[in-house]
C-alpha atoms as a PDB file:
ATOM      1  CA  UNK A   1      -9.330 117.697  90.209  1.00  0.00           C
ATOM      2  CA  UNK A   2      -5.895 118.694  88.941  1.00  0.00           C
ATOM      3  CA  UNK A   3      -3.528 115.805  88.281  1.00  0.00           C
ATOM      4  CA  UNK A   4      -0.597 115.485  90.669  1.00  0.00           C
ATOM      5  CA  UNK A   5       2.807 116.108  89.143  1.00  0.00           C
ATOM      6  CA  UNK A   6       5.806 113.979  90.114  1.00  0.00           C
ATOM      7  CA  UNK A   7       9.090 115.806  89.811  1.00  0.00           C
ATOM      8  CA  UNK A   8      11.715 113.906  87.835  1.00  0.00           C
ATOM      9  CA  UNK A   9      14.397 112.181  89.850  1.00  0.00           C
ATOM     10  CA  UNK A  10      17.813 113.822  89.866  1.00  0.00           C
ATOM     11  CA  UNK A  11      20.493 111.759  88.091  1.00  0.00           C
ATOM     12  CA  UNK A  12      22.386 109.427  90.403  1.00  0.00           C
ATOM     13  CA  UNK A  13      26.193 109.568  90.157  1.00  0.00           C
ATOM     14  CA  UNK A  14      28.142 106.542  91.385  1.00  0.00           C
ATOM     15  CA  UNK A  15      31.747 105.348  91.705  1.00  0.00           C
ATOM     16  CA  UNK A  16      32.677 101.668  91.966  1.00  0.00           C
ATOM     17  CA  UNK A  17      36.031  99.903  92.308  1.00  0.00           C
ATOM     18  CA  UNK A  18      36.690  97.323  89.606  1.00  0.00           C
ATOM     19  CA  UNK A  19      36.350  93.797  91.021  1.00  0.00           C
ATOM     20  CA  UNK A  20      36.024  90.625  88.936  1.00  0.00           C
ATOM     21  CA  UNK A  21      34.200  88.926  91.799  1.00  0.00           C
ATOM     22  CA  UNK A  22      31.315  91.418  91.725  1.00  0.00           C
ATOM     23  CA  UNK A  23      28.286  91.452  89.437  1.00  0.00           C
ATOM     24  CA  UNK A  24      27.337  95.112  89.101  1.00  0.00           C
ATOM     25  CA  UNK A  25      23.583  95.771  89.148  1.00  0.00           C
ATOM     26  CA  UNK A  26      22.923  99.028  87.275  1.00  0.00           C
ATOM     27  CA  UNK A  27      19.420 100.574  86.979  1.00  0.00           C
ATOM     28  CA  UNK A  28      18.859 102.314  83.644  1.00  0.00           C
ATOM     29  CA  UNK A  29      16.058 104.447  82.206  1.00  0.00           C
ATOM     30  CA  UNK A  30      14.021 104.549  79.021  1.00  0.00           C
ATOM     31  CA  UNK A  31      14.302 108.294  78.435  1.00  0.00           C
ATOM     32  CA  UNK A  32      17.769 109.127  79.808  1.00  0.00           C
ATOM     33  CA  UNK A  33      21.168 107.588  79.062  1.00  0.00           C
ATOM     34  CA  UNK A  34      23.370 105.956  81.665  1.00  0.00           C
ATOM     35  CA  UNK A  35      27.076 106.500  81.030  1.00  0.00           C
ATOM     36  CA  UNK A  36      29.762 104.114  82.273  1.00  0.00           C
ATOM     37  CA  UNK A  37      33.389 105.255  82.429  1.00  0.00           C
ATOM     38  CA  UNK A  38      36.516 103.124  82.777  1.00  0.00           C
ATOM     39  CA  UNK A  39      40.113 104.135  83.556  1.00  0.00           C
ATOM     40  CA  UNK A  40      40.997 103.526  79.897  1.00  0.00           C
ATOM     41  CA  UNK A  41      39.344 102.042  76.816  1.00  0.00           C
ATOM     42  CA  UNK A  42      37.997  98.466  77.149  1.00  0.00           C
ATOM     43  CA  UNK A  43      39.589  95.966  74.786  1.00  0.00           C
ATOM     44  CA  UNK A  44      36.274  94.189  74.067  1.00  0.00           C
ATOM     45  CA  UNK A  45      32.577  94.111  74.936  1.00  0.00           C
ATOM     46  CA  UNK A  46      30.370  90.991  74.987  1.00  0.00           C
ATOM     47  CA  UNK A  47      26.644  91.337  75.574  1.00  0.00           C
ATOM     48  CA  UNK A  48      23.261  89.645  75.803  1.00  0.00           C
ATOM     49  CA  UNK A  49      20.054  91.591  75.206  1.00  0.00           C
ATOM     50  CA  UNK A  50      21.929  94.642  73.939  1.00  0.00           C
ATOM     51  CA  UNK A  51      22.068  96.227  70.486  1.00  0.00           C
ATOM     52  CA  UNK A  52      24.111  99.065  69.053  1.00  0.00           C
ATOM     53  CA  UNK A  53      21.541  99.723  66.316  1.00  0.00           C
ATOM     54  CA  UNK A  54      18.101 101.180  67.175  1.00  0.00           C
ATOM     55  CA  UNK A  55      16.514  99.266  64.292  1.00  0.00           C
ATOM     56  CA  UNK A  56      17.716  95.916  65.679  1.00  0.00           C
ATOM     57  CA  UNK A  57      15.287  94.582  68.323  1.00  0.00           C
ATOM     58  CA  UNK A  58      16.799  94.292  71.816  1.00  0.00           C
ATOM     59  CA  UNK A  59      15.838  95.447  75.313  1.00  0.00           C
ATOM     60  CA  UNK A  60      18.841  97.785  75.722  1.00  0.00           C
ATOM     61  CA  UNK A  61      20.552 100.197  73.332  1.00  0.00           C
ATOM     62  CA  UNK A  62      24.344 100.662  73.549  1.00  0.00           C
ATOM     63  CA  UNK A  63      26.318 103.660  72.306  1.00  0.00           C
ATOM     64  CA  UNK A  64      30.078 103.163  72.189  1.00  0.00           C
ATOM     65  CA  UNK A  65      32.975 104.195  69.974  1.00  0.00           C
ATOM     66  CA  UNK A  66      35.880 101.715  70.052  1.00  0.00           C
ATOM     67  CA  UNK A  67      38.941 103.244  71.668  1.00  0.00           C
ATOM     68  CA  UNK A  68      36.994 105.507  74.022  1.00  0.00           C
ATOM     69  CA  UNK A  69      36.936 104.957  77.755  1.00  0.00           C
ATOM     70  CA  UNK A  70      33.191 105.420  78.163  1.00  0.00           C
ATOM     71  CA  UNK A  71      29.926 103.991  76.835  1.00  0.00           C
ATOM     72  CA  UNK A  72      26.238 104.781  77.289  1.00  0.00           C
ATOM     73  CA  UNK A  73      23.171 102.565  77.544  1.00  0.00           C
ATOM     74  CA  UNK A  74      19.428 103.172  77.537  1.00  0.00           C
ATOM     75  CA  UNK A  75      16.460 100.851  78.080  1.00  0.00           C
ATOM     76  CA  UNK A  76      14.218 100.399  75.031  1.00  0.00           C
ATOM     77  CA  UNK A  77      11.500  98.611  77.005  1.00  0.00           C
ATOM     78  CA  UNK A  78      10.035  99.384  80.453  1.00  0.00           C
ATOM     79  CA  UNK A  79      10.918  95.846  81.634  1.00  0.00           C
ATOM     80  CA  UNK A  80      14.318  95.700  79.934  1.00  0.00           C
ATOM     81  CA  UNK A  81      17.078  93.489  81.279  1.00  0.00           C
ATOM     82  CA  UNK A  82      20.488  92.826  79.747  1.00  0.00           C
ATOM     83  CA  UNK A  83      24.042  91.806  80.594  1.00  0.00           C
ATOM     84  CA  UNK A  84      27.317  93.319  79.439  1.00  0.00           C
ATOM     85  CA  UNK A  85      30.739  91.743  79.931  1.00  0.00           C
ATOM     86  CA  UNK A  86      33.519  94.321  79.745  1.00  0.00           C
ATOM     87  CA  UNK A  87      37.016  93.019  79.025  1.00  0.00           C
ATOM     88  CA  UNK A  88      39.573  95.441  80.426  1.00  0.00           C
ATOM     89  CA  UNK A  89      43.275  94.685  80.929  1.00  0.00           C
ATOM     90  CA  UNK A  90      42.625  90.960  80.366  1.00  0.00           C
ATOM     91  CA  UNK A  91      39.984  90.850  83.096  1.00  0.00           C
ATOM     92  CA  UNK A  92      36.234  90.444  82.680  1.00  0.00           C
ATOM     93  CA  UNK A  93      33.740  92.584  84.561  1.00  0.00           C
ATOM     94  CA  UNK A  94      30.048  91.631  84.529  1.00  0.00           C
ATOM     95  CA  UNK A  95      27.396  94.352  84.462  1.00  0.00           C
ATOM     96  CA  UNK A  96      23.653  93.692  84.600  1.00  0.00           C
ATOM     97  CA  UNK A  97      21.205  96.364  83.494  1.00  0.00           C
ATOM     98  CA  UNK A  98      17.590  96.575  84.657  1.00  0.00           C
ATOM     99  CA  UNK A  99      15.046  99.214  83.635  1.00  0.00           C
ATOM    100  CA  UNK A 100      14.053 101.446  86.538  1.00  0.00           C
ATOM    101  CA  UNK A 101      12.251 104.693  87.294  1.00  0.00           C
ATOM    102  CA  UNK A 102      15.371 105.746  89.250  1.00  0.00           C
ATOM    103  CA  UNK A 103      18.232 105.143  86.819  1.00  0.00           C
ATOM    104  CA  UNK A 104      21.877 105.932  87.428  1.00  0.00           C
ATOM    105  CA  UNK A 105      23.084 108.852  85.348  1.00  0.00           C
ATOM    106  CA  UNK A 106      26.812 108.180  85.516  1.00  0.00           C
ATOM    107  CA  UNK A 107      29.063 105.430  86.864  1.00  0.00           C
ATOM    108  CA  UNK A 108      32.826 105.697  87.134  1.00  0.00           C
ATOM    109  CA  UNK A 109      34.763 102.459  87.573  1.00  0.00           C
ATOM    110  CA  UNK A 110      38.252 102.788  89.017  1.00  0.00           C
ATOM    111  CA  UNK A 111      41.095 100.469  89.919  1.00  0.00           C
ATOM    112  CA  UNK A 112      40.853  99.742  93.607  1.00  0.00           C
ATOM    113  CA  UNK A 113      44.616  99.956  93.972  1.00  0.00           C
ATOM    114  CA  UNK A 114      44.362 103.606  92.931  1.00  0.00           C
ATOM    115  CA  UNK A 115      41.835 104.463  95.599  1.00  0.00           C
ATOM    116  CA  UNK A 116      44.581 105.701  97.876  1.00  0.00           C
ATOM    117  CA  UNK A 117      43.814 103.789 101.065  1.00  0.00           C
ATOM    118  CA  UNK A 118      47.524 103.945 101.930  1.00  0.00           C
ATOM    119  CA  UNK A 119      50.683 105.629 100.716  1.00  0.00           C
ATOM    120  CA  UNK A 120      51.876 102.363  99.169  1.00  0.00           C
ATOM    121  CA  UNK A 121      48.735 102.059  97.060  1.00  0.00           C
ATOM    122  CA  UNK A 122      48.821 105.701  95.995  1.00  0.00           C
ATOM    123  CA  UNK A 123      52.282 105.193  94.491  1.00  0.00           C
ATOM    124  CA  UNK A 124      50.957 102.587  92.085  1.00  0.00           C
ATOM    125  CA  UNK A 125      49.244 104.891  89.587  1.00  0.00           C
ATOM    126  CA  UNK A 126      50.474 103.464  86.302  1.00  0.00           C
ATOM    127  CA  UNK A 127      51.862 105.435  83.338  1.00  0.00           C
ATOM    128  CA  UNK A 128      49.014 104.087  81.191  1.00  0.00           C
ATOM    129  CA  UNK A 129      46.447 105.399  83.669  1.00  0.00           C
ATOM    130  CA  UNK A 130      48.115 108.824  83.698  1.00  0.00           C
ATOM    131  CA  UNK A 131      48.202 108.948  79.903  1.00  0.00           C
ATOM    132  CA  UNK A 132      44.496 108.204  79.951  1.00  0.00           C
ATOM    133  CA  UNK A 133      43.885 111.138  82.302  1.00  0.00           C
ATOM    134  CA  UNK A 134      45.797 113.496  79.997  1.00  0.00           C
ATOM    135  CA  UNK A 135      43.649 112.341  77.072  1.00  0.00           C
ATOM    136  CA  UNK A 136      40.456 112.864  79.076  1.00  0.00           C
ATOM    137  CA  UNK A 137      41.544 116.383  79.994  1.00  0.00           C
ATOM    138  CA  UNK A 138      42.362 117.221  76.374  1.00  0.00           C
ATOM    139  CA  UNK A 139      38.985 116.020  75.120  1.00  0.00           C
ATOM    140  CA  UNK A 140      36.988 117.395  78.057  1.00  0.00           C
ATOM    141  CA  UNK A 141      35.279 120.221  76.172  1.00  0.00           C
ATOM    142  CA  UNK A 142      34.331 118.087  73.180  1.00  0.00           C
ATOM    143  CA  UNK A 143      32.967 115.288  75.343  1.00  0.00           C
ATOM    144  CA  UNK A 144      31.155 117.789  77.579  1.00  0.00           C
ATOM    145  CA  UNK A 145      29.344 119.223  74.555  1.00  0.00           C
ATOM    146  CA  UNK A 146      28.338 115.866  73.098  1.00  0.00           C
ATOM    147  CA  UNK A 147      28.023 113.656  76.199  1.00  0.00           C
ATOM    148  CA  UNK A 148      27.833 115.867  79.309  1.00  0.00           C
ATOM    149  CA  UNK A 149      27.010 112.894  81.513  1.00  0.00           C
ATOM    150  CA  UNK A 150      30.404 111.370  80.644  1.00  0.00           C
ATOM    151  CA  UNK A 151      32.326 114.110  82.473  1.00  0.00           C
ATOM    152  CA  UNK A 152      30.197 114.468  85.596  1.00  0.00           C
ATOM    153  CA  UNK A 153      32.906 112.838  87.700  1.00  0.00           C
ATOM    154  CA  UNK A 154      35.634 115.260  86.565  1.00  0.00           C
ATOM    155  CA  UNK A 155      36.083 118.457  88.582  1.00  0.00           C
ATOM    156  CA  UNK A 156      37.013 121.316  86.263  1.00  0.00           C
ATOM    157  CA  UNK A 157      37.963 124.938  86.754  1.00  0.00           C
ATOM    158  CA  UNK A 158      39.318 127.793  84.654  1.00  0.00           C
ATOM    159  CA  UNK A 159      41.085 130.039  87.221  1.00  0.00           C
ATOM    160  CA  UNK A 160      40.512 133.806  86.993  1.00  0.00           C
ATOM    161  CA  UNK A 161      43.334 135.802  85.412  1.00  0.00           C
ATOM    162  CA  UNK A 162      44.353 137.357  88.722  1.00  0.00           C
ATOM    163  CA  UNK A 163      45.480 133.993  90.110  1.00  0.00           C
ATOM    164  CA  UNK A 164      46.298 132.069  86.937  1.00  0.00           C
ATOM    165  CA  UNK A 165      49.573 133.646  85.782  1.00  0.00           C
ATOM    166  CA  UNK A 166      53.110 132.901  86.980  1.00  0.00           C
ATOM    167  CA  UNK A 167      55.590 135.417  85.546  1.00  0.00           C
ATOM    168  CA  UNK A 168      59.227 134.832  84.696  1.00  0.00           C
ATOM    169  CA  UNK A 169      61.854 137.210  83.270  1.00  0.00           C
ATOM    170  CA  UNK A 170      60.854 136.871  79.623  1.00  0.00           C
ATOM    171  CA  UNK A 171      57.947 134.418  79.615  1.00  0.00           C
ATOM    172  CA  UNK A 172      54.845 133.536  81.601  1.00  0.00           C
ATOM    173  CA  UNK A 173      52.927 130.377  82.486  1.00  0.00           C
ATOM    174  CA  UNK A 174      49.135 130.665  82.668  1.00  0.00           C
ATOM    175  CA  UNK A 175      46.898 127.940  84.089  1.00  0.00           C
ATOM    176  CA  UNK A 176      44.080 127.939  81.551  1.00  0.00           C
ATOM    177  CA  UNK A 177      42.287 124.919  83.003  1.00  0.00           C
ATOM    178  CA  UNK A 178      42.737 122.450  85.839  1.00  0.00           C
ATOM    179  CA  UNK A 179      41.026 119.053  86.125  1.00  0.00           C
ATOM    180  CA  UNK A 180      40.716 116.745  89.129  1.00  0.00           C
ATOM    181  CA  UNK A 181      40.376 112.952  88.866  1.00  0.00           C
ATOM    182  CA  UNK A 182      39.523 111.798  92.372  1.00  0.00           C
ATOM    183  CA  UNK A 183      40.107 107.999  92.231  1.00  0.00           C
ATOM    184  CA  UNK A 184      43.662 108.653  91.004  1.00  0.00           C
ATOM    185  CA  UNK A 185      44.108 111.718  93.273  1.00  0.00           C
ATOM    186  CA  UNK A 186      45.475 113.553  90.237  1.00  0.00           C
ATOM    187  CA  UNK A 187      45.247 117.116  88.965  1.00  0.00           C
ATOM    188  CA  UNK A 188      45.864 117.796  85.263  1.00  0.00           C
ATOM    189  CA  UNK A 189      46.902 121.304  84.204  1.00  0.00           C
ATOM    190  CA  UNK A 190      46.511 122.915  80.814  1.00  0.00           C
ATOM    191  CA  UNK A 191      49.106 125.690  80.506  1.00  0.00           C
ATOM    192  CA  UNK A 192      49.591 128.590  78.141  1.00  0.00           C
ATOM    193  CA  UNK A 193      53.304 129.365  77.884  1.00  0.00           C
ATOM    194  CA  UNK A 194      53.980 132.799  76.374  1.00  0.00           C
ATOM    195  CA  UNK A 195      57.471 133.967  75.411  1.00  0.00           C
ATOM    196  CA  UNK A 196      57.778 137.749  75.160  1.00  0.00           C
ATOM    197  CA  UNK A 197      61.524 137.714  74.615  1.00  0.00           C
ATOM    198  CA  UNK A 198      63.720 137.636  71.517  1.00  0.00           C
ATOM    199  CA  UNK A 199      65.235 134.198  72.179  1.00  0.00           C
ATOM    200  CA  UNK A 200      63.621 130.816  72.561  1.00  0.00           C
ATOM    201  CA  UNK A 201      63.014 129.394  76.023  1.00  0.00           C
ATOM    202  CA  UNK A 202      64.020 125.778  76.651  1.00  0.00           C
ATOM    203  CA  UNK A 203      62.673 123.915  79.678  1.00  0.00           C
ATOM    204  CA  UNK A 204      62.397 120.378  81.031  1.00  0.00           C
ATOM    205  CA  UNK A 205      58.835 119.049  80.505  1.00  0.00           C
ATOM    206  CA  UNK A 206      59.249 116.245  83.050  1.00  0.00           C
ATOM    207  CA  UNK A 207      60.272 118.794  85.724  1.00  0.00           C
ATOM    208  CA  UNK A 208      57.195 120.995  85.488  1.00  0.00           C
ATOM    209  CA  UNK A 209      55.684 121.502  88.923  1.00  0.00           C
ATOM    210  CA  UNK A 210      53.006 123.340  90.883  1.00  0.00           C
ATOM    211  CA  UNK A 211      53.643 125.165  94.143  1.00  0.00           C
ATOM    212  CA  UNK A 212      50.708 125.379  96.552  1.00  0.00           C
ATOM    213  CA  UNK A 213      51.628 127.400  99.596  1.00  0.00           C
ATOM    214  CA  UNK A 214      54.985 126.064 100.768  1.00  0.00           C
ATOM    215  CA  UNK A 215      54.685 122.647  99.085  1.00  0.00           C
ATOM    216  CA  UNK A 216      55.923 121.763  95.624  1.00  0.00           C
ATOM    217  CA  UNK A 217      54.283 118.984  93.596  1.00  0.00           C
ATOM    218  CA  UNK A 218      56.345 117.785  90.635  1.00  0.00           C
ATOM    219  CA  UNK A 219      54.876 116.344  87.458  1.00  0.00           C
ATOM    220  CA  UNK A 220      53.852 112.694  87.449  1.00  0.00           C
ATOM    221  CA  UNK A 221      53.457 112.956  83.665  1.00  0.00           C
ATOM    222  CA  UNK A 222      53.708 115.733  81.092  1.00  0.00           C
ATOM    223  CA  UNK A 223      52.905 116.447  77.453  1.00  0.00           C
ATOM    224  CA  UNK A 224      54.923 119.470  76.422  1.00  0.00           C
ATOM    225  CA  UNK A 225      57.407 120.382  73.690  1.00  0.00           C
ATOM    226  CA  UNK A 226      60.127 121.737  75.967  1.00  0.00           C
ATOM    227  CA  UNK A 227      60.543 124.846  73.797  1.00  0.00           C
ATOM    228  CA  UNK A 228      58.800 128.226  73.586  1.00  0.00           C
ATOM    229  CA  UNK A 229      59.839 130.104  70.400  1.00  0.00           C
ATOM    230  CA  UNK A 230      60.488 133.860  70.675  1.00  0.00           C
ATOM    231  CA  UNK A 231      57.346 136.009  70.670  1.00  0.00           C
ATOM    232  CA  UNK A 232      55.157 132.890  70.583  1.00  0.00           C
ATOM    233  CA  UNK A 233      52.598 130.997  72.633  1.00  0.00           C
ATOM    234  CA  UNK A 234      52.599 127.229  73.181  1.00  0.00           C
ATOM    235  CA  UNK A 235      50.368 124.824  75.106  1.00  0.00           C
ATOM    236  CA  UNK A 236      51.555 122.279  77.650  1.00  0.00           C
ATOM    237  CA  UNK A 237      49.853 119.693  79.831  1.00  0.00           C
ATOM    238  CA  UNK A 238      51.145 118.105  82.998  1.00  0.00           C
ATOM    239  CA  UNK A 239      49.718 116.227  85.963  1.00  0.00           C
ATOM    240  CA  UNK A 240      50.520 115.995  89.655  1.00  0.00           C
ATOM    241  CA  UNK A 241      49.533 112.920  91.642  1.00  0.00           C
ATOM    242  CA  UNK A 242      49.331 112.548  95.417  1.00  0.00           C
ATOM    243  CA  UNK A 243      51.843 114.092  97.794  1.00  0.00           C
ATOM    244  CA  UNK A 244      55.633 114.205  97.396  1.00  0.00           C
ATOM    245  CA  UNK A 245      55.937 111.401  99.973  1.00  0.00           C
ATOM    246  CA  UNK A 246      53.460 109.133  98.162  1.00  0.00           C
ATOM    247  CA  UNK A 247      50.215 109.672 100.066  1.00  0.00           C
ATOM    248  CA  UNK A 248      46.933 111.180  98.963  1.00  0.00           C
ATOM    249  CA  UNK A 249      46.947 114.957  98.593  1.00  0.00           C
ATOM    250  CA  UNK A 250      43.216 115.507  97.935  1.00  0.00           C
ATOM    251  CA  UNK A 251      44.042 118.838  96.309  1.00  0.00           C
ATOM    252  CA  UNK A 252      41.202 121.094  95.220  1.00  0.00           C
ATOM    253  CA  UNK A 253      40.990 122.714  91.794  1.00  0.00           C
ATOM    254  CA  UNK A 254      40.221 125.943  93.694  1.00  0.00           C
ATOM    255  CA  UNK A 255      43.778 126.279  94.996  1.00  0.00           C
ATOM    256  CA  UNK A 256      46.058 129.064  93.782  1.00  0.00           C
ATOM    257  CA  UNK A 257      48.843 127.395  91.805  1.00  0.00           C
ATOM    258  CA  UNK A 258      52.264 128.860  91.091  1.00  0.00           C
ATOM    259  CA  UNK A 259      53.688 127.021  88.114  1.00  0.00           C
ATOM    260  CA  UNK A 260      57.365 126.078  88.116  1.00  0.00           C
ATOM    261  CA  UNK A 261      58.941 125.870  84.651  1.00  0.00           C
ATOM    262  CA  UNK A 262      62.601 124.796  85.014  1.00  0.00           C
ATOM    263  CA  UNK A 263      64.667 126.390  82.261  1.00  0.00           C
ATOM    264  CA  UNK A 264      67.674 124.740  80.648  1.00  0.00           C
ATOM    265  CA  UNK A 265      70.562 126.444  78.869  1.00  0.00           C
ATOM    266  CA  UNK A 266      71.830 125.781  75.385  1.00  0.00           C
ATOM    267  CA  UNK A 267      74.755 123.640  76.520  1.00  0.00           C
ATOM    268  CA  UNK A 268      72.471 121.301  78.471  1.00  0.00           C
ATOM    269  CA  UNK A 269      70.798 118.476  76.594  1.00  0.00           C
ATOM    270  CA  UNK A 270      67.022 118.816  76.577  1.00  0.00           C
ATOM    271  CA  UNK A 271      65.300 115.561  77.458  1.00  0.00           C
ATOM    272  CA  UNK A 272      61.814 115.251  76.003  1.00  0.00           C
ATOM    273  CA  UNK A 273      59.843 112.134  77.032  1.00  0.00           C
ATOM    274  CA  UNK A 274      58.768 110.012  74.094  1.00  0.00           C
END
């Protein structure tokens, strides 16, 4: 009689708000990693039953590079159990791991105050959180190649050329990539700014914006030089968060975006955020 074949379980993707009062029970597998992502890098990790070295006996193996916002774990025994305390922004979050045949593939932890249950909460996305989103967008391709499970929660799109370019008199702005981070209700744009003219183009990085239909969404944070040299191409990043009146926008990466690049003249002082 032929032996029955059990199809492997599809990876489970979860999102949890960060709460010090909760002990998170996370099922993990012996042959697949489980990746945990935080809004920014934890300041410290304390563990029991966990090792970072395969040659050191322990029920659970941890993979983590200090300074990164994510880590991965895998059970080394079929009955593995372990506990990890994550210290983040001077708060401790307790995570318990248990070996299971139905492990989670990816877990994203987010600040509950960023979940956007009201306009007041949506306004409280911090500069540090936005900087973290820019960094995650910049490293998306590298992380996707090495740890694809670490970017499962990030929506990503490279718009087709027909809808990606916004043309100005002597330069253009092309949306090369757009990323969506749902807990923060934020889109991050990677732009290619191309100057075809004979003089440099100066613009205000903090005033970059995206027009979607009749609505304009100004930058909540930007990383751009403010200058495009003549006959040159530069890269700029900026993010938009929520709606102009402070609520959740829930914008899709599939929208057609017209990019607004506010120029400044030579006699106006260019302000570049530090």
